[in-house]
């Protein structure tokens, strides 16, 4: 079953005292376009994450956000004893020069720049990658499930509208004998007019008759439209991306319906052709969101 290009997915994975969250959103787009927002220092994962998305999705504008959250405080508190001694020695020398007996307190010393600091352990990025991929895989599963659900609704709507268009086309097809009779009468009238003109040659008469006959015959357009409808039915039953192919097929339908509208000029059938154009435009709007 074809899928929509609109969806959302979110999943977590735990790694080394941290939780990695991957959030995905997708909307319709002509091609596959994936943009990422990664935590600081994780840009090295961009290529592999995009590759994973490309393996699972064919079309759509996909936005991925990766967030990391620590479950426990991991930085170690350190102190620089050599720097602290320098501060103390400098404080004593300054006290001596000023002739005071004040000493540098431990509270003040600990607040001086660089004496006490936090040291983050060096990260092993390779250890995070399988967990990020795990979260991404789960998020993609959710996103694809949502896209499949919406895709089923789109297919149902398109099928219903194709059925309506088949009904309209059947109405025109049922009237083909009367349409042909109407244009045959026009043709006879035209032939009579040409025969009345003594200056008209046999060659001119043949050309006029062929032109009028071609302009009035809609059987080819009806046949091609039926074939297009059948092709669309088969495409909508496939379990693969069909959006771009279906969009092209709709253009072919539009061409045939336009020609049909030119040839069928009586008010009743002209109204049917307008209704077909309206339904086809609604189908086109729906197809824009099919993967």
C-alpha atoms as a PDB file:
ATOM      1  CA  UNK A   1       0.000   0.000   0.000  1.00  0.00           C
ATOM      2  CA  UNK A   2       1.456   3.404  -0.944  1.00  0.00           C
ATOM      3  CA  UNK A   3       2.423   5.672   1.942  1.00  0.00           C
ATOM      4  CA  UNK A   4       1.932   9.327   2.709  1.00  0.00           C
ATOM      5  CA  UNK A   5       4.966  11.589   3.087  1.00  0.00           C
ATOM      6  CA  UNK A   6       3.642  13.139   6.317  1.00  0.00           C
ATOM      7  CA  UNK A   7       4.648  11.486   9.572  1.00  0.00           C
ATOM      8  CA  UNK A   8       6.243  11.692  13.015  1.00  0.00           C
ATOM      9  CA  UNK A   9       8.413   9.363  15.068  1.00  0.00           C
ATOM     10  CA  UNK A  10      10.263   9.585  18.379  1.00  0.00           C
ATOM     11  CA  UNK A  11      12.339   7.022  20.265  1.00  0.00           C
ATOM     12  CA  UNK A  12      14.972   6.741  23.025  1.00  0.00           C
ATOM     13  CA  UNK A  13      18.018   4.575  23.644  1.00  0.00           C
ATOM     14  CA  UNK A  14      20.250   4.450  26.726  1.00  0.00           C
ATOM     15  CA  UNK A  15      24.031   4.447  26.561  1.00  0.00           C
ATOM     16  CA  UNK A  16      26.632   4.801  29.296  1.00  0.00           C
ATOM     17  CA  UNK A  17      24.469   6.753  31.737  1.00  0.00           C
ATOM     18  CA  UNK A  18      22.837   8.883  29.037  1.00  0.00           C
ATOM     19  CA  UNK A  19      19.566   8.793  27.130  1.00  0.00           C
ATOM     20  CA  UNK A  20      19.689   9.544  23.403  1.00  0.00           C
ATOM     21  CA  UNK A  21      16.403  10.748  21.892  1.00  0.00           C
ATOM     22  CA  UNK A  22      15.785  10.829  18.140  1.00  0.00           C
ATOM     23  CA  UNK A  23      12.770  12.772  16.838  1.00  0.00           C
ATOM     24  CA  UNK A  24      11.680  12.702  13.194  1.00  0.00           C
ATOM     25  CA  UNK A  25       9.119  14.730  11.267  1.00  0.00           C
ATOM     26  CA  UNK A  26       8.423  14.501   7.541  1.00  0.00           C
ATOM     27  CA  UNK A  27       6.298  16.410   5.038  1.00  0.00           C
ATOM     28  CA  UNK A  28       5.806  16.132   1.302  1.00  0.00           C
ATOM     29  CA  UNK A  29       8.687  16.956  -1.003  1.00  0.00           C
ATOM     30  CA  UNK A  30       9.575  16.114  -4.578  1.00  0.00           C
ATOM     31  CA  UNK A  31      12.694  14.206  -3.519  1.00  0.00           C
ATOM     32  CA  UNK A  32      14.203  12.938  -0.252  1.00  0.00           C
ATOM     33  CA  UNK A  33      15.682  15.826   1.714  1.00  0.00           C
ATOM     34  CA  UNK A  34      16.992  15.095   5.224  1.00  0.00           C
ATOM     35  CA  UNK A  35      18.213  17.794   7.634  1.00  0.00           C
ATOM     36  CA  UNK A  36      19.757  17.094  11.055  1.00  0.00           C
ATOM     37  CA  UNK A  37      20.232  18.853  14.392  1.00  0.00           C
ATOM     38  CA  UNK A  38      22.879  17.063  16.435  1.00  0.00           C
ATOM     39  CA  UNK A  39      24.421  17.630  19.887  1.00  0.00           C
ATOM     40  CA  UNK A  40      27.753  19.435  20.040  1.00  0.00           C
ATOM     41  CA  UNK A  41      30.587  17.191  18.899  1.00  0.00           C
ATOM     42  CA  UNK A  42      28.370  14.630  17.170  1.00  0.00           C
ATOM     43  CA  UNK A  43      28.581  15.971  13.613  1.00  0.00           C
ATOM     44  CA  UNK A  44      30.618  12.897  12.677  1.00  0.00           C
ATOM     45  CA  UNK A  45      27.372  10.881  12.791  1.00  0.00           C
ATOM     46  CA  UNK A  46      25.605  12.987  10.129  1.00  0.00           C
ATOM     47  CA  UNK A  47      26.582  10.914   7.088  1.00  0.00           C
ATOM     48  CA  UNK A  48      25.654   7.530   8.569  1.00  0.00           C
ATOM     49  CA  UNK A  49      22.353   8.811   9.999  1.00  0.00           C
ATOM     50  CA  UNK A  50      21.339  10.292   6.643  1.00  0.00           C
ATOM     51  CA  UNK A  51      22.269   7.021   4.961  1.00  0.00           C
ATOM     52  CA  UNK A  52      19.983   5.108   7.337  1.00  0.00           C
ATOM     53  CA  UNK A  53      17.076   7.428   6.522  1.00  0.00           C
ATOM     54  CA  UNK A  54      17.762   7.053   2.798  1.00  0.00           C
ATOM     55  CA  UNK A  55      17.614   3.260   3.105  1.00  0.00           C
ATOM     56  CA  UNK A  56      14.153   3.429   4.741  1.00  0.00           C
ATOM     57  CA  UNK A  57      12.431   6.321   2.934  1.00  0.00           C
ATOM     58  CA  UNK A  58      12.120   7.256  -0.752  1.00  0.00           C
ATOM     59  CA  UNK A  59      10.666  10.786  -0.690  1.00  0.00           C
ATOM     60  CA  UNK A  60       9.804  13.582   1.709  1.00  0.00           C
ATOM     61  CA  UNK A  61      11.408  16.457   3.573  1.00  0.00           C
ATOM     62  CA  UNK A  62      12.659  14.833   6.796  1.00  0.00           C
ATOM     63  CA  UNK A  63      13.817  16.783   9.851  1.00  0.00           C
ATOM     64  CA  UNK A  64      15.803  14.851  12.466  1.00  0.00           C
ATOM     65  CA  UNK A  65      16.653  16.128  15.944  1.00  0.00           C
ATOM     66  CA  UNK A  66      18.996  14.169  18.227  1.00  0.00           C
ATOM     67  CA  UNK A  67      19.121  15.101  21.925  1.00  0.00           C
ATOM     68  CA  UNK A  68      21.304  13.618  24.669  1.00  0.00           C
ATOM     69  CA  UNK A  69      20.395  13.720  28.358  1.00  0.00           C
ATOM     70  CA  UNK A  70      22.649  12.610  31.216  1.00  0.00           C
ATOM     71  CA  UNK A  71      21.094  10.340  33.836  1.00  0.00           C
ATOM     72  CA  UNK A  72      23.792  11.077  36.411  1.00  0.00           C
ATOM     73  CA  UNK A  73      26.499  13.651  36.952  1.00  0.00           C
ATOM     74  CA  UNK A  74      29.565  12.401  35.177  1.00  0.00           C
ATOM     75  CA  UNK A  75      32.193  15.211  35.365  1.00  0.00           C
ATOM     76  CA  UNK A  76      34.951  14.730  37.974  1.00  0.00           C
ATOM     77  CA  UNK A  77      35.899  17.620  40.293  1.00  0.00           C
ATOM     78  CA  UNK A  78      39.649  18.288  40.244  1.00  0.00           C
ATOM     79  CA  UNK A  79      42.002  20.825  41.815  1.00  0.00           C
ATOM     80  CA  UNK A  80      45.312  22.244  40.608  1.00  0.00           C
ATOM     81  CA  UNK A  81      47.659  22.107  43.613  1.00  0.00           C
ATOM     82  CA  UNK A  82      50.535  23.833  41.826  1.00  0.00           C
ATOM     83  CA  UNK A  83      48.325  26.768  40.863  1.00  0.00           C
ATOM     84  CA  UNK A  84      46.943  26.942  44.405  1.00  0.00           C
ATOM     85  CA  UNK A  85      50.488  27.172  45.857  1.00  0.00           C
ATOM     86  CA  UNK A  86      51.296  29.978  43.433  1.00  0.00           C
ATOM     87  CA  UNK A  87      48.205  31.879  44.622  1.00  0.00           C
ATOM     88  CA  UNK A  88      49.192  31.318  48.284  1.00  0.00           C
ATOM     89  CA  UNK A  89      52.822  32.379  47.697  1.00  0.00           C
ATOM     90  CA  UNK A  90      51.698  35.471  45.806  1.00  0.00           C
ATOM     91  CA  UNK A  91      49.244  36.308  48.620  1.00  0.00           C
ATOM     92  CA  UNK A  92      51.982  36.033  51.282  1.00  0.00           C
ATOM     93  CA  UNK A  93      54.356  38.202  49.278  1.00  0.00           C
ATOM     94  CA  UNK A  94      51.634  40.813  48.768  1.00  0.00           C
ATOM     95  CA  UNK A  95      50.819  40.794  52.509  1.00  0.00           C
ATOM     96  CA  UNK A  96      54.503  41.323  53.337  1.00  0.00           C
ATOM     97  CA  UNK A  97      54.798  44.214  50.911  1.00  0.00           C
ATOM     98  CA  UNK A  98      51.672  45.868  52.307  1.00  0.00           C
ATOM     99  CA  UNK A  99      52.681  45.243  55.890  1.00  0.00           C
ATOM    100  CA  UNK A 100      49.539  43.282  56.781  1.00  0.00           C
ATOM    101  CA  UNK A 101      49.001  39.985  58.538  1.00  0.00           C
ATOM    102  CA  UNK A 102      46.038  38.831  56.464  1.00  0.00           C
ATOM    103  CA  UNK A 103      46.228  35.335  54.977  1.00  0.00           C
ATOM    104  CA  UNK A 104      44.429  33.931  51.954  1.00  0.00           C
ATOM    105  CA  UNK A 105      41.492  31.802  53.201  1.00  0.00           C
ATOM    106  CA  UNK A 106      40.670  28.423  51.756  1.00  0.00           C
ATOM    107  CA  UNK A 107      37.193  29.685  50.805  1.00  0.00           C
ATOM    108  CA  UNK A 108      38.699  32.518  48.769  1.00  0.00           C
ATOM    109  CA  UNK A 109      41.416  30.301  47.324  1.00  0.00           C
ATOM    110  CA  UNK A 110      38.912  27.728  46.075  1.00  0.00           C
ATOM    111  CA  UNK A 111      37.048  30.413  44.125  1.00  0.00           C
ATOM    112  CA  UNK A 112      40.102  31.632  42.247  1.00  0.00           C
ATOM    113  CA  UNK A 113      40.156  30.794  38.546  1.00  0.00           C
ATOM    114  CA  UNK A 114      41.532  27.352  37.736  1.00  0.00           C
ATOM    115  CA  UNK A 115      42.101  26.130  41.313  1.00  0.00           C
ATOM    116  CA  UNK A 116      39.022  23.873  41.337  1.00  0.00           C
ATOM    117  CA  UNK A 117      37.522  22.723  38.026  1.00  0.00           C
ATOM    118  CA  UNK A 118      35.398  19.998  36.422  1.00  0.00           C
ATOM    119  CA  UNK A 119      37.022  17.492  34.133  1.00  0.00           C
ATOM    120  CA  UNK A 120      34.874  15.690  31.548  1.00  0.00           C
ATOM    121  CA  UNK A 121      35.975  12.225  30.607  1.00  0.00           C
ATOM    122  CA  UNK A 122      36.944  11.875  26.965  1.00  0.00           C
ATOM    123  CA  UNK A 123      34.012  10.472  24.996  1.00  0.00           C
ATOM    124  CA  UNK A 124      34.158   7.341  22.909  1.00  0.00           C
ATOM    125  CA  UNK A 125      31.925   8.389  20.013  1.00  0.00           C
ATOM    126  CA  UNK A 126      32.029   4.928  18.479  1.00  0.00           C
ATOM    127  CA  UNK A 127      30.275   3.552  21.555  1.00  0.00           C
ATOM    128  CA  UNK A 128      27.325   5.900  21.037  1.00  0.00           C
ATOM    129  CA  UNK A 129      26.701   5.137  17.361  1.00  0.00           C
ATOM    130  CA  UNK A 130      24.857   1.772  17.702  1.00  0.00           C
ATOM    131  CA  UNK A 131      22.570   3.279  20.341  1.00  0.00           C
ATOM    132  CA  UNK A 132      21.808   6.306  18.169  1.00  0.00           C
ATOM    133  CA  UNK A 133      21.056   3.968  15.269  1.00  0.00           C
ATOM    134  CA  UNK A 134      18.797   1.907  17.542  1.00  0.00           C
ATOM    135  CA  UNK A 135      16.779   4.994  18.516  1.00  0.00           C
ATOM    136  CA  UNK A 136      16.686   6.145  14.892  1.00  0.00           C
ATOM    137  CA  UNK A 137      15.418   2.748  13.754  1.00  0.00           C
ATOM    138  CA  UNK A 138      12.573   2.829  16.281  1.00  0.00           C
ATOM    139  CA  UNK A 139      11.684   6.417  15.324  1.00  0.00           C
ATOM    140  CA  UNK A 140      11.656   5.445  11.643  1.00  0.00           C
ATOM    141  CA  UNK A 141       9.333   2.524  12.433  1.00  0.00           C
ATOM    142  CA  UNK A 142       6.873   4.939  14.080  1.00  0.00           C
ATOM    143  CA  UNK A 143       7.153   7.453  11.266  1.00  0.00           C
ATOM    144  CA  UNK A 144       6.590   4.810   8.583  1.00  0.00           C
ATOM    145  CA  UNK A 145       3.600   3.415  10.474  1.00  0.00           C
ATOM    146  CA  UNK A 146       2.018   6.871  10.567  1.00  0.00           C
ATOM    147  CA  UNK A 147       2.818   7.409   6.898  1.00  0.00           C
ATOM    148  CA  UNK A 148       1.238   4.040   6.064  1.00  0.00           C
ATOM    149  CA  UNK A 149      -1.939   4.899   7.982  1.00  0.00           C
ATOM    150  CA  UNK A 150      -2.319   8.237   6.241  1.00  0.00           C
ATOM    151  CA  UNK A 151      -1.331   6.655   2.930  1.00  0.00           C
ATOM    152  CA  UNK A 152      -4.202   4.169   3.237  1.00  0.00           C
ATOM    153  CA  UNK A 153      -6.618   7.076   3.716  1.00  0.00           C
ATOM    154  CA  UNK A 154      -5.171   8.859   0.669  1.00  0.00           C
ATOM    155  CA  UNK A 155      -5.478   5.745  -1.485  1.00  0.00           C
ATOM    156  CA  UNK A 156      -9.083   5.260  -0.379  1.00  0.00           C
ATOM    157  CA  UNK A 157      -9.921   8.834  -1.332  1.00  0.00           C
ATOM    158  CA  UNK A 158      -8.151   8.625  -4.705  1.00  0.00           C
ATOM    159  CA  UNK A 159      -9.850   5.315  -5.515  1.00  0.00           C
ATOM    160  CA  UNK A 160     -13.252   6.823  -4.712  1.00  0.00           C
ATOM    161  CA  UNK A 161     -12.592   9.783  -6.995  1.00  0.00           C
ATOM    162  CA  UNK A 162     -11.349   7.542  -9.789  1.00  0.00           C
ATOM    163  CA  UNK A 163     -14.597   5.621  -9.434  1.00  0.00           C
ATOM    164  CA  UNK A 164     -16.535   8.863  -9.771  1.00  0.00           C
ATOM    165  CA  UNK A 165     -14.560   9.744 -12.902  1.00  0.00           C
ATOM    166  CA  UNK A 166     -15.248   6.302 -14.351  1.00  0.00           C
ATOM    167  CA  UNK A 167     -18.949   6.975 -13.849  1.00  0.00           C
ATOM    168  CA  UNK A 168     -18.686  10.309 -15.644  1.00  0.00           C
ATOM    169  CA  UNK A 169     -16.763   8.723 -18.497  1.00  0.00           C
ATOM    170  CA  UNK A 170     -19.323   5.918 -18.736  1.00  0.00           C
ATOM    171  CA  UNK A 171     -22.059   8.548 -19.150  1.00  0.00           C
ATOM    172  CA  UNK A 172     -20.172  10.017 -22.122  1.00  0.00           C
ATOM    173  CA  UNK A 173     -19.457   6.552 -23.518  1.00  0.00           C
ATOM    174  CA  UNK A 174     -23.162   5.653 -23.304  1.00  0.00           C
ATOM    175  CA  UNK A 175     -23.936   8.730 -25.359  1.00  0.00           C
ATOM    176  CA  UNK A 176     -21.345   8.035 -28.059  1.00  0.00           C
ATOM    177  CA  UNK A 177     -23.962   6.764 -30.563  1.00  0.00           C
ATOM    178  CA  UNK A 178     -26.030   9.934 -30.200  1.00  0.00           C
ATOM    179  CA  UNK A 179     -22.871  12.076 -30.265  1.00  0.00           C
ATOM    180  CA  UNK A 180     -21.762  10.386 -33.477  1.00  0.00           C
ATOM    181  CA  UNK A 181     -25.229  10.880 -34.973  1.00  0.00           C
ATOM    182  CA  UNK A 182     -25.122  14.560 -34.046  1.00  0.00           C
ATOM    183  CA  UNK A 183     -21.770  15.073 -35.728  1.00  0.00           C
ATOM    184  CA  UNK A 184     -22.748  12.987 -38.735  1.00  0.00           C
ATOM    185  CA  UNK A 185     -25.670  15.360 -39.259  1.00  0.00           C
ATOM    186  CA  UNK A 186     -23.242  18.273 -39.001  1.00  0.00           C
ATOM    187  CA  UNK A 187     -20.992  16.530 -41.501  1.00  0.00           C
ATOM    188  CA  UNK A 188     -23.845  16.001 -43.971  1.00  0.00           C
ATOM    189  CA  UNK A 189     -24.814  19.654 -43.627  1.00  0.00           C
ATOM    190  CA  UNK A 190     -21.243  20.728 -44.241  1.00  0.00           C
ATOM    191  CA  UNK A 191     -20.939  18.440 -47.266  1.00  0.00           C
ATOM    192  CA  UNK A 192     -24.145  19.853 -48.677  1.00  0.00           C
ATOM    193  CA  UNK A 193     -22.796  23.368 -48.244  1.00  0.00           C
ATOM    194  CA  UNK A 194     -19.559  22.456 -49.987  1.00  0.00           C
ATOM    195  CA  UNK A 195     -21.354  20.681 -52.825  1.00  0.00           C
ATOM    196  CA  UNK A 196     -23.429  23.787 -53.351  1.00  0.00           C
ATOM    197  CA  UNK A 197     -20.212  25.687 -53.975  1.00  0.00           C
ATOM    198  CA  UNK A 198     -19.188  24.836 -57.487  1.00  0.00           C
ATOM    199  CA  UNK A 199     -15.659  26.151 -56.840  1.00  0.00           C
ATOM    200  CA  UNK A 200     -14.939  23.428 -54.245  1.00  0.00           C
ATOM    201  CA  UNK A 201     -12.791  20.599 -55.600  1.00  0.00           C
ATOM    202  CA  UNK A 202     -13.120  16.938 -54.683  1.00  0.00           C
ATOM    203  CA  UNK A 203      -9.818  17.152 -52.827  1.00  0.00           C
ATOM    204  CA  UNK A 204     -11.038  20.076 -50.717  1.00  0.00           C
ATOM    205  CA  UNK A 205     -14.249  18.219 -49.991  1.00  0.00           C
ATOM    206  CA  UNK A 206     -12.340  15.144 -48.787  1.00  0.00           C
ATOM    207  CA  UNK A 207     -10.123  17.247 -46.513  1.00  0.00           C
ATOM    208  CA  UNK A 208     -13.100  19.030 -44.942  1.00  0.00           C
ATOM    209  CA  UNK A 209     -14.906  15.747 -44.316  1.00  0.00           C
ATOM    210  CA  UNK A 210     -11.837  14.124 -42.727  1.00  0.00           C
ATOM    211  CA  UNK A 211     -11.195  17.152 -40.505  1.00  0.00           C
ATOM    212  CA  UNK A 212     -14.750  17.311 -39.231  1.00  0.00           C
ATOM    213  CA  UNK A 213     -14.853  13.561 -38.632  1.00  0.00           C
ATOM    214  CA  UNK A 214     -11.611  13.701 -36.631  1.00  0.00           C
ATOM    215  CA  UNK A 215     -12.810  16.618 -34.524  1.00  0.00           C
ATOM    216  CA  UNK A 216     -16.013  14.824 -33.600  1.00  0.00           C
ATOM    217  CA  UNK A 217     -14.655  11.346 -32.770  1.00  0.00           C
ATOM    218  CA  UNK A 218     -13.975  10.914 -29.004  1.00  0.00           C
ATOM    219  CA  UNK A 219     -13.636   7.123 -28.962  1.00  0.00           C
ATOM    220  CA  UNK A 220      -9.823   7.251 -28.740  1.00  0.00           C
ATOM    221  CA  UNK A 221      -9.905   9.631 -25.770  1.00  0.00           C
ATOM    222  CA  UNK A 222     -12.441   7.439 -23.981  1.00  0.00           C
ATOM    223  CA  UNK A 223     -10.356   4.320 -24.601  1.00  0.00           C
ATOM    224  CA  UNK A 224      -7.125   5.958 -23.379  1.00  0.00           C
ATOM    225  CA  UNK A 225      -8.812   7.347 -20.259  1.00  0.00           C
ATOM    226  CA  UNK A 226     -10.141   3.911 -19.362  1.00  0.00           C
ATOM    227  CA  UNK A 227      -6.610   2.522 -19.793  1.00  0.00           C
ATOM    228  CA  UNK A 228      -5.219   5.308 -17.559  1.00  0.00           C
ATOM    229  CA  UNK A 229      -7.825   4.559 -14.874  1.00  0.00           C
ATOM    230  CA  UNK A 230      -6.923   0.848 -14.982  1.00  0.00           C
ATOM    231  CA  UNK A 231      -3.221   1.710 -14.718  1.00  0.00           C
ATOM    232  CA  UNK A 232      -3.886   3.964 -11.716  1.00  0.00           C
ATOM    233  CA  UNK A 233      -5.818   1.157  -9.997  1.00  0.00           C
ATOM    234  CA  UNK A 234      -2.842  -1.189 -10.396  1.00  0.00           C
ATOM    235  CA  UNK A 235      -0.383   1.435  -9.131  1.00  0.00           C
ATOM    236  CA  UNK A 236      -2.484   2.163  -6.036  1.00  0.00           C
ATOM    237  CA  UNK A 237      -2.407  -1.543  -5.150  1.00  0.00           C
ATOM    238  CA  UNK A 238       1.405  -1.701  -5.190  1.00  0.00           C
ATOM    239  CA  UNK A 239       3.477  -1.680  -2.010  1.00  0.00           C
ATOM    240  CA  UNK A 240       6.168   0.697  -3.242  1.00  0.00           C
ATOM    241  CA  UNK A 241       6.697   4.432  -3.847  1.00  0.00           C
ATOM    242  CA  UNK A 242       4.423   5.509  -6.708  1.00  0.00           C
ATOM    243  CA  UNK A 243       3.912   9.239  -6.123  1.00  0.00           C
ATOM    244  CA  UNK A 244       6.013  10.561  -9.005  1.00  0.00           C
ATOM    245  CA  UNK A 245       4.695   7.939 -11.472  1.00  0.00           C
ATOM    246  CA  UNK A 246       1.130   8.678 -10.429  1.00  0.00           C
ATOM    247  CA  UNK A 247       1.715  12.394 -10.857  1.00  0.00           C
ATOM    248  CA  UNK A 248       2.866  11.788 -14.439  1.00  0.00           C
ATOM    249  CA  UNK A 249      -0.164   9.577 -15.107  1.00  0.00           C
ATOM    250  CA  UNK A 250      -2.463  12.360 -13.905  1.00  0.00           C
ATOM    251  CA  UNK A 251      -0.878  14.686 -16.451  1.00  0.00           C
ATOM    252  CA  UNK A 252      -1.766  12.164 -19.167  1.00  0.00           C
ATOM    253  CA  UNK A 253      -5.351  12.007 -17.882  1.00  0.00           C
ATOM    254  CA  UNK A 254      -5.519  15.794 -17.923  1.00  0.00           C
ATOM    255  CA  UNK A 255      -4.420  15.863 -21.550  1.00  0.00           C
ATOM    256  CA  UNK A 256      -7.109  13.390 -22.620  1.00  0.00           C
ATOM    257  CA  UNK A 257      -9.850  15.163 -20.652  1.00  0.00           C
ATOM    258  CA  UNK A 258      -8.884  18.503 -22.198  1.00  0.00           C
ATOM    259  CA  UNK A 259      -9.122  16.980 -25.674  1.00  0.00           C
ATOM    260  CA  UNK A 260     -12.443  15.425 -24.742  1.00  0.00           C
ATOM    261  CA  UNK A 261     -13.707  18.834 -23.674  1.00  0.00           C
ATOM    262  CA  UNK A 262     -12.751  20.346 -27.018  1.00  0.00           C
ATOM    263  CA  UNK A 263     -14.542  17.651 -29.003  1.00  0.00           C
ATOM    264  CA  UNK A 264     -17.674  17.321 -26.850  1.00  0.00           C
ATOM    265  CA  UNK A 265     -19.436  20.661 -27.024  1.00  0.00           C
ATOM    266  CA  UNK A 266     -23.039  19.944 -26.124  1.00  0.00           C
ATOM    267  CA  UNK A 267     -23.964  21.425 -22.742  1.00  0.00           C
ATOM    268  CA  UNK A 268     -24.732  18.156 -20.923  1.00  0.00           C
ATOM    269  CA  UNK A 269     -21.440  16.467 -21.790  1.00  0.00           C
ATOM    270  CA  UNK A 270     -19.491  19.698 -21.383  1.00  0.00           C
ATOM    271  CA  UNK A 271     -20.746  19.800 -17.785  1.00  0.00           C
ATOM    272  CA  UNK A 272     -19.604  16.191 -17.266  1.00  0.00           C
ATOM    273  CA  UNK A 273     -16.141  17.073 -18.562  1.00  0.00           C
ATOM    274  CA  UNK A 274     -15.941  19.976 -16.091  1.00  0.00           C
ATOM    275  CA  UNK A 275     -16.857  17.610 -13.253  1.00  0.00           C
ATOM    276  CA  UNK A 276     -14.110  15.220 -14.374  1.00  0.00           C
ATOM    277  CA  UNK A 277     -11.582  18.060 -14.357  1.00  0.00           C
ATOM    278  CA  UNK A 278     -12.667  19.008 -10.828  1.00  0.00           C
ATOM    279  CA  UNK A 279     -12.253  15.439  -9.555  1.00  0.00           C
ATOM    280  CA  UNK A 280      -8.869  15.087 -11.260  1.00  0.00           C
ATOM    281  CA  UNK A 281      -7.623  18.284  -9.597  1.00  0.00           C
ATOM    282  CA  UNK A 282      -8.614  16.892  -6.188  1.00  0.00           C
ATOM    283  CA  UNK A 283      -6.762  13.678  -6.995  1.00  0.00           C
ATOM    284  CA  UNK A 284      -3.706  15.711  -7.997  1.00  0.00           C
ATOM    285  CA  UNK A 285      -3.729  17.454  -4.609  1.00  0.00           C
ATOM    286  CA  UNK A 286      -3.848  14.124  -2.794  1.00  0.00           C
ATOM    287  CA  UNK A 287      -1.114  12.582  -4.927  1.00  0.00           C
ATOM    288  CA  UNK A 288       1.263  15.411  -3.973  1.00  0.00           C
ATOM    289  CA  UNK A 289       1.512  13.771  -0.528  1.00  0.00           C
ATOM    290  CA  UNK A 290       1.969  10.164  -1.700  1.00  0.00           C
ATOM    291  CA  UNK A 291       5.519   8.842  -1.410  1.00  0.00           C
END
